[in-house]
């Protein structure tokens, strides 16, 4: 998918507007964290659910994730570097043996 730090809400609505209201299941397969930031590692499906299945664009981010929390003064964008921080021993990773499926409906959170 896409992050608001790279695209305006208008651009995201233009690109993904046809997906709004579609149901999908995102699979959570791990948890990455350190003292400053934490994120759930996810797998984004290639298609939405339902009778009119739509293609879901692949994530533009090498690390598809949901940022869970940030420490004081830490920007959410820092969660993008959690995998490299794990490799350097600066963060930890827990791989889930039992993956968790999150079912939801795609909606935009508009602030403009």
N, C-alpha and C. Protein backbone atom coordinates (compact mmCIF):
# COMPACT_ATOMS: atom_id res chain seq x y z
N UNK A 1 0.85 -1.16 0.00
CA UNK A 1 0.00 0.00 0.00
C UNK A 1 0.90 1.23 0.00
N UNK A 2 0.46 2.28 0.61
CA UNK A 2 1.21 3.53 0.56
C UNK A 2 1.10 4.26 1.89
N UNK A 3 2.05 5.06 2.17
CA UNK A 3 2.09 5.80 3.44
C UNK A 3 1.87 7.27 3.15
N UNK A 4 1.20 7.95 4.07
CA UNK A 4 0.90 9.37 3.86
C UNK A 4 2.14 10.25 3.83
N UNK A 5 3.30 9.74 4.23
CA UNK A 5 4.52 10.54 4.16
C UNK A 5 5.04 10.62 2.73
N UNK A 6 4.55 9.74 1.86
CA UNK A 6 5.01 9.72 0.47
C UNK A 6 3.98 10.26 -0.50
N UNK A 7 2.72 10.23 -0.12
CA UNK A 7 1.64 10.65 -1.01
C UNK A 7 0.64 11.48 -0.23
N UNK A 8 0.05 12.44 -0.91
CA UNK A 8 -1.00 13.23 -0.27
C UNK A 8 -2.27 12.37 -0.17
N UNK A 9 -3.18 12.80 0.68
CA UNK A 9 -4.45 12.07 0.79
C UNK A 9 -5.18 12.09 -0.55
N UNK A 10 -5.07 13.19 -1.28
CA UNK A 10 -5.70 13.28 -2.60
C UNK A 10 -5.12 12.22 -3.55
N UNK A 11 -3.79 12.09 -3.55
CA UNK A 11 -3.14 11.09 -4.41
C UNK A 11 -3.54 9.67 -4.00
N UNK A 12 -3.60 9.43 -2.68
CA UNK A 12 -3.99 8.10 -2.22
C UNK A 12 -5.43 7.79 -2.63
N UNK A 13 -6.32 8.78 -2.53
CA UNK A 13 -7.71 8.56 -2.91
C UNK A 13 -7.81 8.28 -4.41
N UNK A 14 -7.01 8.98 -5.22
CA UNK A 14 -7.02 8.74 -6.66
C UNK A 14 -6.55 7.33 -6.98
N UNK A 15 -5.47 6.89 -6.32
CA UNK A 15 -4.90 5.57 -6.60
C UNK A 15 -5.72 4.41 -6.05
N UNK A 16 -6.26 4.59 -4.84
CA UNK A 16 -6.89 3.48 -4.14
C UNK A 16 -8.39 3.66 -3.92
N UNK A 17 -8.96 4.73 -4.46
CA UNK A 17 -10.38 5.01 -4.24
C UNK A 17 -11.30 3.87 -4.63
N UNK A 18 -10.95 3.14 -5.67
CA UNK A 18 -11.80 2.02 -6.10
C UNK A 18 -11.84 0.89 -5.07
N UNK A 19 -10.86 0.87 -4.17
CA UNK A 19 -10.81 -0.17 -3.14
C UNK A 19 -11.59 0.19 -1.89
N UNK A 20 -11.96 1.48 -1.75
CA UNK A 20 -12.65 1.89 -0.53
C UNK A 20 -13.95 1.11 -0.36
N UNK A 21 -14.15 0.60 0.84
CA UNK A 21 -15.33 -0.20 1.14
C UNK A 21 -15.11 -1.69 0.91
N UNK A 22 -13.99 -2.05 0.30
CA UNK A 22 -13.69 -3.47 0.05
C UNK A 22 -13.21 -4.16 1.32
N UNK A 23 -13.56 -5.42 1.45
CA UNK A 23 -13.10 -6.21 2.59
C UNK A 23 -11.82 -6.94 2.21
N UNK A 24 -10.95 -7.08 3.20
CA UNK A 24 -9.73 -7.85 2.99
C UNK A 24 -9.23 -8.40 4.31
N UNK A 25 -8.39 -9.41 4.21
CA UNK A 25 -7.75 -10.00 5.38
C UNK A 25 -6.26 -9.73 5.29
N UNK A 26 -5.72 -9.10 6.31
CA UNK A 26 -4.28 -8.85 6.43
C UNK A 26 -3.76 -9.85 7.44
N UNK A 27 -2.67 -10.54 7.12
CA UNK A 27 -2.11 -11.54 8.01
C UNK A 27 -0.93 -10.95 8.77
N UNK A 28 -1.01 -11.00 10.09
CA UNK A 28 0.06 -10.51 10.96
C UNK A 28 0.98 -11.69 11.25
N UNK A 29 2.27 -11.54 10.90
CA UNK A 29 3.19 -12.67 11.04
C UNK A 29 4.35 -12.42 12.01
N UNK A 30 4.41 -11.21 12.60
CA UNK A 30 5.49 -10.94 13.53
C UNK A 30 5.38 -9.59 14.19
N UNK A 31 6.26 -9.38 15.17
CA UNK A 31 6.29 -8.15 15.95
C UNK A 31 7.74 -7.70 16.07
N UNK A 32 8.04 -6.47 15.65
CA UNK A 32 9.38 -5.92 15.72
C UNK A 32 9.34 -4.71 16.65
N UNK A 33 10.37 -4.57 17.51
CA UNK A 33 10.31 -3.50 18.49
C UNK A 33 11.68 -3.19 19.08
N UNK A 34 11.76 -2.00 19.63
CA UNK A 34 12.85 -1.60 20.52
C UNK A 34 12.27 -0.60 21.51
N UNK A 35 13.11 0.12 22.22
CA UNK A 35 12.61 1.05 23.23
C UNK A 35 11.91 2.27 22.64
N UNK A 36 12.08 2.51 21.34
CA UNK A 36 11.52 3.71 20.73
C UNK A 36 10.29 3.47 19.88
N UNK A 37 10.17 2.29 19.28
CA UNK A 37 9.11 2.07 18.29
C UNK A 37 8.78 0.59 18.17
N UNK A 38 7.54 0.31 17.75
CA UNK A 38 7.12 -1.08 17.56
C UNK A 38 6.17 -1.18 16.37
N UNK A 39 6.22 -2.32 15.69
CA UNK A 39 5.35 -2.54 14.53
C UNK A 39 5.02 -4.01 14.37
N UNK A 40 3.85 -4.26 13.80
CA UNK A 40 3.45 -5.61 13.42
C UNK A 40 3.84 -5.82 11.97
N UNK A 41 4.52 -6.90 11.68
CA UNK A 41 4.85 -7.27 10.31
C UNK A 41 3.62 -7.94 9.70
N UNK A 42 3.24 -7.52 8.49
CA UNK A 42 2.01 -8.04 7.88
C UNK A 42 2.23 -8.51 6.45
N UNK A 43 1.32 -9.36 6.02
CA UNK A 43 1.24 -9.77 4.62
C UNK A 43 -0.05 -9.19 4.05
N UNK A 44 0.08 -8.42 2.97
CA UNK A 44 -1.07 -7.78 2.33
C UNK A 44 -1.54 -8.71 1.21
N UNK A 45 -2.84 -9.03 1.17
CA UNK A 45 -3.33 -9.91 0.13
C UNK A 45 -3.28 -9.25 -1.25
N UNK A 46 -3.24 -10.06 -2.29
CA UNK A 46 -3.22 -9.55 -3.66
C UNK A 46 -4.59 -9.17 -4.18
N UNK A 47 -5.64 -9.65 -3.48
CA UNK A 47 -7.01 -9.39 -3.92
C UNK A 47 -7.90 -9.09 -2.72
N UNK A 48 -8.95 -8.32 -2.95
CA UNK A 48 -9.95 -8.09 -1.92
C UNK A 48 -10.86 -9.31 -1.86
N UNK A 49 -11.68 -9.36 -0.82
CA UNK A 49 -12.64 -10.45 -0.67
C UNK A 49 -13.96 -10.07 -1.31
N UNK A 50 -14.81 -11.06 -1.54
CA UNK A 50 -16.15 -10.79 -2.05
C UNK A 50 -16.31 -11.19 -3.49
N UNK A 51 -17.52 -10.98 -3.98
CA UNK A 51 -17.87 -11.39 -5.35
C UNK A 51 -17.12 -10.60 -6.40
N UNK A 52 -16.88 -9.32 -6.15
CA UNK A 52 -16.16 -8.48 -7.10
C UNK A 52 -14.75 -8.24 -6.59
N UNK A 53 -13.95 -9.29 -6.59
CA UNK A 53 -12.59 -9.23 -6.09
C UNK A 53 -11.77 -8.24 -6.91
N UNK A 54 -11.09 -7.33 -6.22
CA UNK A 54 -10.26 -6.32 -6.87
C UNK A 54 -8.80 -6.55 -6.54
N UNK A 55 -7.92 -6.19 -7.47
CA UNK A 55 -6.50 -6.30 -7.22
C UNK A 55 -6.07 -5.27 -6.18
N UNK A 56 -5.27 -5.71 -5.22
CA UNK A 56 -4.70 -4.81 -4.22
C UNK A 56 -3.26 -4.55 -4.63
N UNK A 57 -2.88 -3.29 -4.85
CA UNK A 57 -1.50 -3.00 -5.25
C UNK A 57 -0.52 -3.47 -4.17
N UNK A 58 0.64 -3.94 -4.58
CA UNK A 58 1.64 -4.35 -3.59
C UNK A 58 2.12 -3.15 -2.78
N UNK A 59 2.61 -3.43 -1.61
CA UNK A 59 3.14 -2.37 -0.76
C UNK A 59 4.33 -1.70 -1.43
N UNK A 60 4.40 -0.39 -1.32
CA UNK A 60 5.56 0.34 -1.82
C UNK A 60 6.71 0.27 -0.82
N UNK A 61 6.42 -0.22 0.34
CA UNK A 61 7.38 -0.31 1.42
C UNK A 61 7.99 -1.70 1.43
N UNK A 62 9.30 -1.82 1.55
CA UNK A 62 9.93 -3.14 1.62
C UNK A 62 9.44 -3.92 2.83
N UNK A 63 9.09 -3.22 3.88
CA UNK A 63 8.63 -3.82 5.13
C UNK A 63 7.15 -3.46 5.31
N UNK A 64 6.27 -4.36 4.85
CA UNK A 64 4.84 -4.13 5.03
C UNK A 64 4.52 -4.30 6.51
N UNK A 65 3.92 -3.28 7.11
CA UNK A 65 3.74 -3.30 8.55
C UNK A 65 2.64 -2.35 9.01
N UNK A 66 2.29 -2.50 10.27
CA UNK A 66 1.39 -1.57 10.96
C UNK A 66 2.17 -1.05 12.16
N UNK A 67 2.41 0.25 12.20
CA UNK A 67 3.10 0.83 13.34
C UNK A 67 2.16 0.78 14.54
N UNK A 68 2.65 0.23 15.65
CA UNK A 68 1.82 0.04 16.84
C UNK A 68 1.99 1.20 17.82
N UNK A 69 3.22 1.60 18.08
CA UNK A 69 3.47 2.73 18.97
C UNK A 69 4.83 3.35 18.71
N UNK A 70 4.93 4.61 19.13
CA UNK A 70 6.17 5.37 19.02
C UNK A 70 6.44 6.04 20.36
N UNK A 71 7.70 6.10 20.74
CA UNK A 71 8.08 6.82 21.95
C UNK A 71 7.96 8.32 21.75
N UNK A 72 8.09 9.06 22.83
CA UNK A 72 8.03 10.52 22.76
C UNK A 72 9.06 11.05 21.77
N UNK A 73 8.61 11.87 20.85
CA UNK A 73 9.49 12.50 19.88
C UNK A 73 9.93 11.59 18.74
N UNK A 74 9.44 10.36 18.67
CA UNK A 74 9.81 9.43 17.61
C UNK A 74 8.73 9.43 16.55
N UNK A 75 9.11 9.67 15.30
CA UNK A 75 8.14 9.69 14.20
C UNK A 75 7.85 8.27 13.74
N UNK A 76 6.62 8.04 13.33
CA UNK A 76 6.18 6.71 12.90
C UNK A 76 7.00 6.17 11.74
N UNK A 77 7.52 7.05 10.90
CA UNK A 77 8.30 6.62 9.74
C UNK A 77 9.53 5.80 10.16
N UNK A 78 9.97 5.97 11.38
CA UNK A 78 11.13 5.22 11.87
C UNK A 78 10.86 3.71 11.89
N UNK A 79 9.59 3.31 11.94
CA UNK A 79 9.27 1.88 11.94
C UNK A 79 9.70 1.20 10.65
N UNK A 80 9.88 1.97 9.57
CA UNK A 80 10.35 1.39 8.30
C UNK A 80 11.73 0.75 8.46
N UNK A 81 12.52 1.24 9.39
CA UNK A 81 13.88 0.72 9.54
C UNK A 81 14.00 -0.37 10.60
N UNK A 82 12.88 -0.83 11.14
CA UNK A 82 12.96 -1.89 12.16
C UNK A 82 13.66 -3.15 11.66
N UNK A 83 13.38 -3.65 10.45
CA UNK A 83 14.11 -4.87 10.01
C UNK A 83 15.63 -4.69 10.01
N UNK A 84 16.12 -3.55 9.54
CA UNK A 84 17.57 -3.33 9.55
C UNK A 84 18.09 -3.17 10.97
N UNK A 85 17.27 -2.59 11.85
CA UNK A 85 17.67 -2.48 13.26
C UNK A 85 17.76 -3.87 13.89
N UNK A 86 16.87 -4.77 13.51
CA UNK A 86 16.94 -6.15 14.01
C UNK A 86 18.26 -6.79 13.57
N UNK A 87 18.61 -6.62 12.29
CA UNK A 87 19.86 -7.18 11.76
C UNK A 87 21.09 -6.65 12.51
N UNK A 88 21.03 -5.41 12.94
CA UNK A 88 22.15 -4.78 13.64
C UNK A 88 22.11 -5.00 15.15
N UNK A 89 21.08 -5.72 15.63
CA UNK A 89 20.95 -5.96 17.06
C UNK A 89 20.39 -4.78 17.83
N UNK A 90 19.79 -3.83 17.12
CA UNK A 90 19.24 -2.63 17.76
C UNK A 90 17.74 -2.76 18.04
N UNK A 91 17.15 -3.86 17.61
CA UNK A 91 15.72 -4.13 17.84
C UNK A 91 15.56 -5.65 17.89
N UNK A 92 14.41 -6.07 18.35
CA UNK A 92 14.11 -7.50 18.44
C UNK A 92 12.93 -7.83 17.54
N UNK A 93 12.86 -9.11 17.15
CA UNK A 93 11.76 -9.58 16.30
C UNK A 93 11.20 -10.87 16.88
N UNK A 94 9.89 -10.92 16.95
CA UNK A 94 9.19 -12.13 17.37
C UNK A 94 8.38 -12.61 16.17
N UNK A 95 8.73 -13.78 15.63
CA UNK A 95 7.94 -14.37 14.55
C UNK A 95 6.80 -15.16 15.16
N UNK A 96 5.59 -14.94 14.67
CA UNK A 96 4.42 -15.64 15.20
C UNK A 96 4.31 -17.03 14.59
N UNK A 97 4.29 -18.05 15.42
CA UNK A 97 4.05 -19.40 14.93
C UNK A 97 2.61 -19.53 14.44
N UNK A 98 1.70 -18.92 15.17
CA UNK A 98 0.30 -18.89 14.77
C UNK A 98 -0.01 -17.49 14.27
N UNK A 99 -0.04 -17.36 12.96
CA UNK A 99 -0.30 -16.05 12.37
C UNK A 99 -1.73 -15.62 12.68
N UNK A 100 -1.92 -14.32 12.73
CA UNK A 100 -3.22 -13.76 13.07
C UNK A 100 -3.78 -13.04 11.84
N UNK A 101 -5.01 -13.35 11.50
CA UNK A 101 -5.67 -12.70 10.37
C UNK A 101 -6.55 -11.57 10.88
N UNK A 102 -6.33 -10.38 10.34
CA UNK A 102 -7.15 -9.21 10.68
C UNK A 102 -8.09 -8.94 9.52
N UNK A 103 -9.37 -9.06 9.77
CA UNK A 103 -10.38 -8.83 8.74
C UNK A 103 -10.89 -7.41 8.88
N UNK A 104 -10.98 -6.70 7.77
CA UNK A 104 -11.47 -5.34 7.86
C UNK A 104 -11.97 -4.81 6.54
N UNK A 105 -12.43 -3.58 6.59
CA UNK A 105 -12.93 -2.86 5.42
C UNK A 105 -12.00 -1.68 5.19
N UNK A 106 -11.54 -1.51 3.96
CA UNK A 106 -10.64 -0.42 3.63
C UNK A 106 -11.38 0.91 3.67
N UNK A 107 -10.88 1.83 4.48
CA UNK A 107 -11.46 3.16 4.61
C UNK A 107 -10.33 4.19 4.63
N UNK A 108 -10.65 5.39 4.22
CA UNK A 108 -9.70 6.49 4.29
C UNK A 108 -9.96 7.30 5.54
N UNK A 109 -8.89 7.72 6.16
CA UNK A 109 -8.96 8.61 7.31
C UNK A 109 -8.55 9.98 6.79
N UNK A 110 -9.52 10.81 6.51
CA UNK A 110 -9.26 12.08 5.85
C UNK A 110 -9.07 13.20 6.86
N UNK A 111 -8.02 13.98 6.64
CA UNK A 111 -7.77 15.13 7.50
C UNK A 111 -7.73 16.43 6.72
N UNK A 112 -7.83 16.35 5.39
CA UNK A 112 -7.77 17.57 4.56
C UNK A 112 -9.13 18.21 4.49
